[in-house]
Each structure stands twice: as C-alpha cells, then as structure tokens.
Amino acid sequence: MTGCAGHSGLSSDLRAVVLLALDRFEPVLERVGSEPASGPSSCASCPLCAVLAALRGERPELAVRLAEHATGLVTALRAALEEDAVPTPSPAPARPVQRIHVERVGAQR
C-alpha cells in the first residue's frame, strides 16, 4: 500500500495495536463463552436484563451467545490481519462489450 512519506509505517503500527488488543480481548471472550449460562432466567432476550445479570455476577445465556459470536469475529479479524495472509486475487478484467446493430426488415407489428 502506498501512502505519503509522513505516514509510512502507520499501517503496520495500527496492525500491531489491533493484534495486541485482540490478544487481551480473547481470554475474556473465551472465559465468558466457556462458562455455562447461570442464574434465574426471568428474561432471556432483553439486553438490559443481560447487562444487569452480568453485573450481579451471573452468566446470562445472551452474554454467553454474544461471547461465542464475538470470538468468531475476533478469529476472522485476526486472520485478516495476519502479515503472511495470501493476497486476494484481483477480479478478472471485464470483457469488452460487443455491440451488435440489429435492423428489423419487414417486421410487422
């Protein structure tokens, strides 16, 4: 990727910061996702109840499921940020459009 001389190396620094943040975030997600849901299930889908239950130390099912999905997103983001990642092939160039002129001879309507 080309850029101006004043910002050379910014992408590698940003990549390193994101990977460091992912390293610190993954253990939390794994801990929340691996623990079974617990606590009273008075409300199974309300985000407010899930936050309140998490603050009380319970593991609501919503928090467990969110941690599972976030783990998948972290894995995908980590794969995208790998330095050894295989570059995606560029799309094939579009073929030129051939225009064909059609004349209707003796066509009745």
C-alpha atoms as a PDB file:
ATOM      1  CA  MET A   1       0.000   0.000   0.000  1.00  0.00           C
ATOM      2  CA  THR A   2       1.418   3.355  -0.924  1.00  0.00           C
ATOM      3  CA  GLY A   3       0.974   6.474   1.153  1.00  0.00           C
ATOM      4  CA  CYS A   4       2.588   9.768   1.879  1.00  0.00           C
ATOM      5  CA  ALA A   5       6.065   9.806   3.383  1.00  0.00           C
ATOM      6  CA  GLY A   6       4.825  11.357   6.635  1.00  0.00           C
ATOM      7  CA  HIS A   7       2.707   8.282   7.431  1.00  0.00           C
ATOM      8  CA  SER A   8       4.957   5.468   6.336  1.00  0.00           C
ATOM      9  CA  GLY A   9       4.672   2.506   8.651  1.00  0.00           C
ATOM     10  CA  LEU A  10       1.327   3.626  10.072  1.00  0.00           C
ATOM     11  CA  SER A  11      -0.483   0.562   8.755  1.00  0.00           C
ATOM     12  CA  SER A  12       1.974  -1.816  10.412  1.00  0.00           C
ATOM     13  CA  ASP A  13       1.736   0.123  13.696  1.00  0.00           C
ATOM     14  CA  LEU A  14      -2.053   0.049  13.547  1.00  0.00           C
ATOM     15  CA  ARG A  15      -1.989  -3.673  12.770  1.00  0.00           C
ATOM     16  CA  ALA A  16       0.254  -4.273  15.810  1.00  0.00           C
ATOM     17  CA  VAL A  17      -2.075  -2.287  18.098  1.00  0.00           C
ATOM     18  CA  VAL A  18      -5.154  -4.172  16.887  1.00  0.00           C
ATOM     19  CA  LEU A  19      -3.435  -7.535  17.315  1.00  0.00           C
ATOM     20  CA  LEU A  20      -2.382  -6.557  20.848  1.00  0.00           C
ATOM     21  CA  ALA A  21      -5.957  -5.553  21.674  1.00  0.00           C
ATOM     22  CA  LEU A  22      -7.212  -8.873  20.289  1.00  0.00           C
ATOM     23  CA  ASP A  23      -4.662 -10.737  22.425  1.00  0.00           C
ATOM     24  CA  ARG A  24      -6.086  -9.083  25.537  1.00  0.00           C
ATOM     25  CA  PHE A  25      -9.732  -9.405  24.482  1.00  0.00           C
ATOM     26  CA  GLU A  26      -9.706 -13.093  23.507  1.00  0.00           C
ATOM     27  CA  PRO A  27      -9.216 -14.555  27.025  1.00  0.00           C
ATOM     28  CA  VAL A  28     -12.221 -12.603  28.297  1.00  0.00           C
ATOM     29  CA  LEU A  29     -14.383 -13.884  25.463  1.00  0.00           C
ATOM     30  CA  GLU A  30     -13.188 -17.441  25.982  1.00  0.00           C
ATOM     31  CA  ARG A  31     -13.926 -17.269  29.706  1.00  0.00           C
ATOM     32  CA  VAL A  32     -17.438 -15.872  29.204  1.00  0.00           C
ATOM     33  CA  GLY A  33     -18.190 -18.220  26.298  1.00  0.00           C
ATOM     34  CA  SER A  34     -16.944 -21.348  28.047  1.00  0.00           C
ATOM     35  CA  GLU A  35     -18.891 -20.891  31.263  1.00  0.00           C
ATOM     36  CA  PRO A  36     -22.416 -22.270  31.172  1.00  0.00           C
ATOM     37  CA  ALA A  37     -25.301 -19.875  31.475  1.00  0.00           C
ATOM     38  CA  SER A  38     -26.437 -19.498  35.051  1.00  0.00           C
ATOM     39  CA  GLY A  39     -28.840 -17.549  37.157  1.00  0.00           C
ATOM     40  CA  PRO A  40     -32.571 -17.135  37.025  1.00  0.00           C
ATOM     41  CA  SER A  41     -33.955 -16.919  33.531  1.00  0.00           C
ATOM     42  CA  SER A  42     -36.637 -14.309  34.145  1.00  0.00           C
ATOM     43  CA  CYS A  43     -35.810 -12.623  30.854  1.00  0.00           C
ATOM     44  CA  ALA A  44     -33.874 -14.474  28.181  1.00  0.00           C
ATOM     45  CA  SER A  45     -33.548 -11.892  25.445  1.00  0.00           C
ATOM     46  CA  CYS A  46     -33.583  -8.397  26.965  1.00  0.00           C
ATOM     47  CA  PRO A  47     -30.146  -6.750  26.697  1.00  0.00           C
ATOM     48  CA  LEU A  48     -30.818  -4.654  29.806  1.00  0.00           C
ATOM     49  CA  CYS A  49     -31.592  -7.741  31.889  1.00  0.00           C
ATOM     50  CA  ALA A  50     -28.488  -9.440  30.487  1.00  0.00           C
ATOM     51  CA  VAL A  51     -26.281  -6.489  31.486  1.00  0.00           C
ATOM     52  CA  LEU A  52     -27.815  -6.347  34.962  1.00  0.00           C
ATOM     53  CA  ALA A  53     -27.357 -10.094  35.396  1.00  0.00           C
ATOM     54  CA  ALA A  54     -23.725  -9.849  34.270  1.00  0.00           C
ATOM     55  CA  LEU A  55     -23.158  -7.057  36.806  1.00  0.00           C
ATOM     56  CA  ARG A  56     -24.601  -9.329  39.518  1.00  0.00           C
ATOM     57  CA  GLY A  57     -22.047 -11.975  38.549  1.00  0.00           C
ATOM     58  CA  GLU A  58     -24.453 -14.258  36.720  1.00  0.00           C
ATOM     59  CA  ARG A  59     -23.820 -15.608  33.247  1.00  0.00           C
ATOM     60  CA  PRO A  60     -26.990 -14.993  31.260  1.00  0.00           C
ATOM     61  CA  GLU A  61     -27.461 -17.008  28.085  1.00  0.00           C
ATOM     62  CA  LEU A  62     -27.405 -13.827  25.991  1.00  0.00           C
ATOM     63  CA  ALA A  63     -23.916 -12.929  27.257  1.00  0.00           C
ATOM     64  CA  VAL A  64     -22.665 -16.445  26.519  1.00  0.00           C
ATOM     65  CA  ARG A  65     -24.052 -16.353  22.981  1.00  0.00           C
ATOM     66  CA  LEU A  66     -22.645 -12.876  22.340  1.00  0.00           C
ATOM     67  CA  ALA A  67     -19.238 -14.076  23.515  1.00  0.00           C
ATOM     68  CA  GLU A  68     -19.425 -17.030  21.115  1.00  0.00           C
ATOM     69  CA  HIS A  69     -20.196 -14.746  18.167  1.00  0.00           C
ATOM     70  CA  ALA A  70     -17.572 -12.199  19.202  1.00  0.00           C
ATOM     71  CA  THR A  71     -14.989 -14.999  19.345  1.00  0.00           C
ATOM     72  CA  GLY A  72     -15.785 -15.844  15.734  1.00  0.00           C
ATOM     73  CA  LEU A  73     -15.430 -12.199  14.727  1.00  0.00           C
ATOM     74  CA  VAL A  74     -12.108 -11.913  16.548  1.00  0.00           C
ATOM     75  CA  THR A  75     -10.857 -15.028  14.774  1.00  0.00           C
ATOM     76  CA  ALA A  76     -11.870 -13.616  11.387  1.00  0.00           C
ATOM     77  CA  LEU A  77     -10.275 -10.254  12.165  1.00  0.00           C
ATOM     78  CA  ARG A  78      -7.060 -11.911  13.299  1.00  0.00           C
ATOM     79  CA  ALA A  79      -6.929 -13.943  10.068  1.00  0.00           C
ATOM     80  CA  ALA A  80      -7.443 -10.782   8.028  1.00  0.00           C
ATOM     81  CA  LEU A  81      -4.632  -9.002   9.842  1.00  0.00           C
ATOM     82  CA  GLU A  82      -2.053 -11.746   9.504  1.00  0.00           C
ATOM     83  CA  GLU A  83       1.017 -10.466   7.753  1.00  0.00           C
ATOM     84  CA  ASP A  84       1.502 -13.750   5.931  1.00  0.00           C
ATOM     85  CA  ALA A  85      -2.034 -13.666   4.584  1.00  0.00           C
ATOM     86  CA  VAL A  86      -2.427 -14.657   0.974  1.00  0.00           C
ATOM     87  CA  PRO A  87      -3.467 -11.606  -1.028  1.00  0.00           C
ATOM     88  CA  THR A  88      -6.890 -11.865  -2.545  1.00  0.00           C
ATOM     89  CA  PRO A  89      -6.779 -12.207  -6.290  1.00  0.00           C
ATOM     90  CA  SER A  90      -7.934  -9.186  -8.202  1.00  0.00           C
ATOM     91  CA  PRO A  91     -11.133  -9.678 -10.142  1.00  0.00           C
ATOM     92  CA  ALA A  92     -10.759 -10.636 -13.769  1.00  0.00           C
ATOM     93  CA  PRO A  93     -10.858  -7.647 -16.085  1.00  0.00           C
ATOM     94  CA  ALA A  94     -14.242  -7.087 -17.613  1.00  0.00           C
ATOM     95  CA  ARG A  95     -14.545  -8.284 -21.160  1.00  0.00           C
ATOM     96  CA  PRO A  96     -15.272  -5.551 -23.678  1.00  0.00           C
ATOM     97  CA  VAL A  97     -18.893  -5.313 -24.684  1.00  0.00           C
ATOM     98  CA  GLN A  98     -19.540  -6.012 -28.322  1.00  0.00           C
ATOM     99  CA  ARG A  99     -22.455  -4.017 -29.619  1.00  0.00           C
ATOM    100  CA  ILE A 100     -24.411  -5.578 -32.434  1.00  0.00           C
ATOM    101  CA  HIS A 101     -26.684  -3.428 -34.532  1.00  0.00           C
ATOM    102  CA  VAL A 102     -29.945  -5.179 -35.398  1.00  0.00           C
ATOM    103  CA  GLU A 103     -32.251  -3.993 -38.167  1.00  0.00           C
ATOM    104  CA  ARG A 104     -35.721  -5.371 -38.452  1.00  0.00           C
ATOM    105  CA  VAL A 105     -36.608  -5.856 -42.050  1.00  0.00           C
ATOM    106  CA  GLY A 106     -40.216  -6.414 -42.897  1.00  0.00           C
ATOM    107  CA  ALA A 107     -41.246  -6.743 -39.289  1.00  0.00           C
ATOM    108  CA  GLN A 108     -44.973  -6.337 -38.753  1.00  0.00           C
ATOM    109  CA  ARG A 109     -46.493  -5.042 -35.609  1.00  0.00           C
END
